[in-house]
């Protein structure tokens, strides 16, 4: 699951796209590179996120995390931005939390 996109399905951040950085038994640590950076990860219950199908934009991040390499906030931000643009949903990027997933 590390490096995969995950959408928040509940809470004040509902509809926001993140990248999974760490996994724990009942929770995941998320980053979006902008509001939740690598030094301020968002802890979220596994039940409250939905894994987004693997995509070409997060393959580099998945490879780096699985290989023990560091990723940057910029790489994460870029991957999420490209993914959202391809889906035609820039509202998530602009902080509009009413955007659908």
N, C-alpha and C. Protein backbone atom coordinates (compact mmCIF):
# COMPACT_ATOMS: atom_id res chain seq x y z
N UNK A 1 0.81 -1.21 0.00
CA UNK A 1 0.00 0.00 0.00
C UNK A 1 0.85 1.27 0.00
N UNK A 2 2.07 1.20 0.45
CA UNK A 2 2.91 2.40 0.50
C UNK A 2 3.04 3.01 -0.89
N UNK A 3 2.84 4.31 -0.95
CA UNK A 3 2.98 5.03 -2.21
C UNK A 3 1.72 5.11 -3.03
N UNK A 4 0.69 4.40 -2.64
CA UNK A 4 -0.55 4.41 -3.41
C UNK A 4 -1.39 5.63 -3.05
N UNK A 5 -2.20 6.07 -4.01
CA UNK A 5 -3.15 7.15 -3.76
C UNK A 5 -4.28 6.63 -2.89
N UNK A 6 -4.75 7.49 -2.00
CA UNK A 6 -5.90 7.15 -1.16
C UNK A 6 -6.78 8.38 -1.04
N UNK A 7 -8.07 8.17 -1.17
CA UNK A 7 -9.03 9.26 -1.02
C UNK A 7 -9.67 9.19 0.34
N UNK A 8 -9.82 10.32 0.99
CA UNK A 8 -10.48 10.37 2.28
C UNK A 8 -11.99 10.26 2.06
N UNK A 9 -12.63 9.33 2.76
CA UNK A 9 -14.07 9.14 2.59
C UNK A 9 -14.88 9.68 3.76
N UNK A 10 -14.20 10.16 4.80
CA UNK A 10 -14.93 10.77 5.92
C UNK A 10 -14.03 11.77 6.63
N UNK A 11 -14.67 12.64 7.39
CA UNK A 11 -13.94 13.67 8.12
C UNK A 11 -13.96 14.99 7.38
N UNK A 12 -13.32 15.99 7.96
CA UNK A 12 -13.32 17.32 7.36
C UNK A 12 -12.54 17.37 6.05
N UNK A 13 -11.72 16.36 5.80
CA UNK A 13 -10.93 16.32 4.57
C UNK A 13 -11.54 15.38 3.52
N UNK A 14 -12.80 15.07 3.68
CA UNK A 14 -13.49 14.17 2.76
C UNK A 14 -13.30 14.63 1.31
N UNK A 15 -12.91 13.69 0.44
CA UNK A 15 -12.72 13.99 -0.97
C UNK A 15 -11.29 14.36 -1.33
N UNK A 16 -10.44 14.56 -0.35
CA UNK A 16 -9.06 14.94 -0.61
C UNK A 16 -8.23 13.70 -0.94
N UNK A 17 -7.30 13.86 -1.87
CA UNK A 17 -6.42 12.77 -2.29
C UNK A 17 -5.08 12.89 -1.56
N UNK A 18 -4.59 11.77 -1.06
CA UNK A 18 -3.31 11.69 -0.36
C UNK A 18 -2.48 10.56 -0.96
N UNK A 19 -1.22 10.48 -0.51
CA UNK A 19 -0.36 9.35 -0.81
C UNK A 19 -0.07 8.66 0.52
N UNK A 20 -0.17 7.33 0.55
CA UNK A 20 0.12 6.58 1.77
C UNK A 20 1.63 6.49 1.94
N UNK A 21 2.12 6.96 3.09
CA UNK A 21 3.55 6.97 3.38
C UNK A 21 3.92 5.84 4.33
N UNK A 22 3.10 5.60 5.33
CA UNK A 22 3.34 4.53 6.31
C UNK A 22 2.05 3.77 6.55
N UNK A 23 2.21 2.51 6.96
CA UNK A 23 1.07 1.68 7.31
C UNK A 23 1.24 1.19 8.74
N UNK A 24 0.15 1.19 9.47
CA UNK A 24 0.10 0.62 10.81
C UNK A 24 -1.06 -0.35 10.85
N UNK A 25 -1.22 -1.02 11.95
CA UNK A 25 -2.26 -2.04 12.04
C UNK A 25 -3.65 -1.52 11.68
N UNK A 26 -4.07 -0.44 12.33
CA UNK A 26 -5.42 0.08 12.10
C UNK A 26 -5.45 1.44 11.40
N UNK A 27 -4.28 1.97 11.07
CA UNK A 27 -4.24 3.32 10.49
C UNK A 27 -3.17 3.42 9.42
N UNK A 28 -3.25 4.52 8.70
CA UNK A 28 -2.24 4.84 7.68
C UNK A 28 -1.81 6.28 7.91
N UNK A 29 -0.60 6.59 7.50
CA UNK A 29 -0.07 7.94 7.58
C UNK A 29 -0.04 8.49 6.16
N UNK A 30 -0.67 9.65 5.99
CA UNK A 30 -0.89 10.21 4.66
C UNK A 30 -0.17 11.54 4.46
N UNK A 31 0.10 11.83 3.21
CA UNK A 31 0.76 13.08 2.83
C UNK A 31 0.16 13.57 1.52
N UNK A 32 -0.03 14.89 1.42
CA UNK A 32 -0.45 15.45 0.13
C UNK A 32 0.60 16.42 -0.41
N UNK A 33 1.67 16.64 0.35
CA UNK A 33 2.76 17.50 -0.10
C UNK A 33 2.50 18.98 0.06
N UNK A 34 1.27 19.35 0.38
CA UNK A 34 0.92 20.77 0.51
C UNK A 34 0.43 21.08 1.92
N UNK A 35 -0.74 20.58 2.28
CA UNK A 35 -1.29 20.82 3.62
C UNK A 35 -0.72 19.83 4.63
N UNK A 36 -0.54 18.62 4.20
CA UNK A 36 0.05 17.57 5.03
C UNK A 36 1.35 17.14 4.39
N UNK A 37 2.43 17.70 4.91
CA UNK A 37 3.75 17.44 4.35
C UNK A 37 4.37 16.22 5.02
N UNK A 38 5.53 15.84 4.53
CA UNK A 38 6.22 14.66 5.06
C UNK A 38 6.62 14.83 6.52
N UNK A 39 6.79 16.05 6.98
CA UNK A 39 7.14 16.26 8.39
C UNK A 39 5.90 16.45 9.26
N UNK A 40 4.71 16.46 8.65
CA UNK A 40 3.44 16.58 9.38
C UNK A 40 2.41 15.63 8.77
N UNK A 41 2.66 14.34 8.85
CA UNK A 41 1.77 13.35 8.22
C UNK A 41 0.40 13.33 8.89
N UNK A 42 -0.61 13.00 8.13
CA UNK A 42 -1.98 12.88 8.61
C UNK A 42 -2.24 11.42 8.98
N UNK A 43 -2.63 11.18 10.22
CA UNK A 43 -2.97 9.83 10.65
C UNK A 43 -4.47 9.63 10.41
N UNK A 44 -4.81 8.56 9.72
CA UNK A 44 -6.21 8.32 9.38
C UNK A 44 -6.51 6.83 9.55
N UNK A 45 -7.66 6.53 10.10
CA UNK A 45 -8.12 5.17 10.26
C UNK A 45 -8.27 4.53 8.87
N UNK A 46 -7.85 3.28 8.74
CA UNK A 46 -7.94 2.59 7.45
C UNK A 46 -9.36 2.57 6.89
N UNK A 47 -10.34 2.52 7.78
CA UNK A 47 -11.74 2.48 7.34
C UNK A 47 -12.17 3.78 6.67
N UNK A 48 -11.43 4.86 6.94
CA UNK A 48 -11.83 6.17 6.45
C UNK A 48 -11.11 6.62 5.19
N UNK A 49 -10.38 5.68 4.57
CA UNK A 49 -9.73 5.97 3.29
C UNK A 49 -10.08 4.90 2.28
N UNK A 50 -10.09 5.29 1.04
CA UNK A 50 -10.34 4.35 -0.05
C UNK A 50 -9.13 4.39 -0.97
N UNK A 51 -8.54 3.22 -1.20
CA UNK A 51 -7.38 3.13 -2.07
C UNK A 51 -7.82 3.41 -3.51
N UNK A 52 -7.05 4.25 -4.18
CA UNK A 52 -7.31 4.57 -5.57
C UNK A 52 -6.47 3.62 -6.41
N UNK A 53 -7.04 3.16 -7.49
CA UNK A 53 -6.35 2.23 -8.37
C UNK A 53 -4.95 2.75 -8.72
N UNK A 54 -3.97 1.87 -8.78
CA UNK A 54 -2.61 2.27 -9.13
C UNK A 54 -2.60 3.03 -10.44
N UNK A 55 -1.71 3.98 -10.49
CA UNK A 55 -1.66 4.85 -11.65
C UNK A 55 -0.22 5.14 -11.99
N UNK A 56 0.02 5.48 -13.23
CA UNK A 56 1.38 5.77 -13.67
C UNK A 56 2.01 6.92 -12.88
N UNK A 57 1.21 7.85 -12.39
CA UNK A 57 1.74 9.01 -11.69
C UNK A 57 2.31 8.68 -10.32
N UNK A 58 1.90 7.57 -9.71
CA UNK A 58 2.46 7.24 -8.41
C UNK A 58 3.41 6.05 -8.45
N UNK A 59 3.71 5.52 -9.62
CA UNK A 59 4.64 4.38 -9.72
C UNK A 59 6.03 4.72 -9.20
N UNK A 60 6.54 5.90 -9.50
CA UNK A 60 7.87 6.31 -9.03
C UNK A 60 7.88 6.38 -7.50
N UNK A 61 6.83 6.93 -6.93
CA UNK A 61 6.74 7.05 -5.48
C UNK A 61 6.68 5.66 -4.83
N UNK A 62 5.90 4.76 -5.41
CA UNK A 62 5.80 3.40 -4.89
C UNK A 62 7.18 2.73 -4.93
N UNK A 63 7.88 2.86 -6.04
CA UNK A 63 9.20 2.24 -6.18
C UNK A 63 10.19 2.81 -5.16
N UNK A 64 10.17 4.13 -4.98
CA UNK A 64 11.09 4.75 -4.03
C UNK A 64 10.82 4.29 -2.61
N UNK A 65 9.56 4.32 -2.20
CA UNK A 65 9.22 3.94 -0.83
C UNK A 65 9.51 2.47 -0.56
N UNK A 66 9.23 1.61 -1.53
CA UNK A 66 9.49 0.18 -1.32
C UNK A 66 10.99 -0.11 -1.32
N UNK A 67 11.78 0.74 -1.99
CA UNK A 67 13.24 0.57 -2.02
C UNK A 67 13.95 1.28 -0.89
N UNK A 68 13.20 1.94 -0.01
CA UNK A 68 13.79 2.63 1.12
C UNK A 68 14.34 4.01 0.78
N UNK A 69 14.07 4.49 -0.41
CA UNK A 69 14.53 5.81 -0.82
C UNK A 69 13.59 6.88 -0.29
N UNK A 70 14.10 8.10 -0.22
CA UNK A 70 13.27 9.22 0.22
C UNK A 70 12.49 9.81 -0.93
N UNK A 71 11.29 10.27 -0.63
CA UNK A 71 10.50 11.03 -1.60
C UNK A 71 10.38 12.45 -1.06
N UNK A 72 10.06 13.37 -1.92
CA UNK A 72 9.91 14.77 -1.50
C UNK A 72 8.46 15.19 -1.57
N UNK A 73 8.16 16.27 -0.84
CA UNK A 73 6.80 16.83 -0.90
C UNK A 73 6.47 17.24 -2.33
N UNK A 74 7.45 17.76 -3.05
CA UNK A 74 7.23 18.19 -4.44
C UNK A 74 6.84 17.02 -5.33
N UNK A 75 7.48 15.87 -5.16
CA UNK A 75 7.14 14.69 -5.96
C UNK A 75 5.71 14.23 -5.68
N UNK A 76 5.34 14.27 -4.42
CA UNK A 76 3.99 13.87 -4.03
C UNK A 76 2.96 14.85 -4.56
N UNK A 77 3.23 16.13 -4.39
CA UNK A 77 2.32 17.17 -4.89
C UNK A 77 2.12 17.04 -6.40
N UNK A 78 3.21 16.82 -7.11
CA UNK A 78 3.15 16.70 -8.57
C UNK A 78 2.33 15.48 -8.99
N UNK A 79 2.56 14.35 -8.33
CA UNK A 79 1.83 13.13 -8.67
C UNK A 79 0.33 13.31 -8.45
N UNK A 80 -0.04 13.91 -7.33
CA UNK A 80 -1.46 14.14 -7.03
C UNK A 80 -2.06 15.12 -8.03
N UNK A 81 -1.32 16.18 -8.34
CA UNK A 81 -1.81 17.19 -9.29
C UNK A 81 -2.07 16.57 -10.66
N UNK A 82 -1.12 15.78 -11.15
CA UNK A 82 -1.28 15.14 -12.46
C UNK A 82 -2.45 14.15 -12.45
N UNK A 83 -2.58 13.39 -11.39
CA UNK A 83 -3.68 12.43 -11.27
C UNK A 83 -5.03 13.16 -11.29
N UNK A 84 -5.15 14.24 -10.51
CA UNK A 84 -6.42 14.97 -10.44
C UNK A 84 -6.75 15.65 -11.76
N UNK A 85 -5.74 16.19 -12.42
CA UNK A 85 -5.98 16.84 -13.72
C UNK A 85 -6.45 15.84 -14.75
N UNK A 86 -5.85 14.65 -14.74
CA UNK A 86 -6.28 13.63 -15.69
C UNK A 86 -7.73 13.25 -15.47
N UNK A 87 -8.14 13.23 -14.22
CA UNK A 87 -9.53 12.89 -13.89
C UNK A 87 -10.45 14.09 -14.07
N UNK A 88 -9.88 15.26 -14.37
CA UNK A 88 -10.72 16.44 -14.57
C UNK A 88 -11.28 17.00 -13.29
N UNK A 89 -10.53 16.83 -12.18
CA UNK A 89 -11.01 17.29 -10.89
C UNK A 89 -9.95 18.13 -10.20
N UNK A 90 -9.78 19.36 -10.64
CA UNK A 90 -8.81 20.27 -10.04
C UNK A 90 -9.30 20.87 -8.73
N UNK A 91 -10.57 20.67 -8.38
CA UNK A 91 -11.10 21.29 -7.17
C UNK A 91 -10.39 20.78 -5.93
N UNK A 92 -9.94 19.54 -5.95
CA UNK A 92 -9.24 18.99 -4.80
C UNK A 92 -7.93 19.74 -4.58
N UNK A 93 -7.29 20.14 -5.66
CA UNK A 93 -6.01 20.83 -5.57
C UNK A 93 -6.15 22.24 -5.02
N UNK A 94 -7.27 22.85 -5.25
CA UNK A 94 -7.47 24.24 -4.85
C UNK A 94 -8.00 24.35 -3.42
N UNK A 95 -8.13 23.24 -2.73
CA UNK A 95 -8.59 23.28 -1.35
C UNK A 95 -10.09 23.23 -1.21
N UNK A 96 -10.82 23.08 -2.30
CA UNK A 96 -12.27 22.99 -2.25
C UNK A 96 -12.63 21.58 -1.84
N UNK A 97 -13.05 21.42 -0.63
CA UNK A 97 -13.32 20.07 -0.12
C UNK A 97 -14.67 19.53 -0.53
N UNK A 98 -15.41 20.29 -1.33
CA UNK A 98 -16.70 19.80 -1.80
C UNK A 98 -16.55 19.02 -3.09
N UNK A 99 -15.35 19.00 -3.64
CA UNK A 99 -15.10 18.27 -4.89
C UNK A 99 -15.34 16.79 -4.70
N UNK A 100 -15.99 16.15 -5.67
CA UNK A 100 -16.26 14.73 -5.55
C UNK A 100 -15.03 13.94 -5.92
N UNK A 101 -14.99 12.72 -5.48
CA UNK A 101 -13.86 11.85 -5.71
C UNK A 101 -14.06 11.01 -6.89
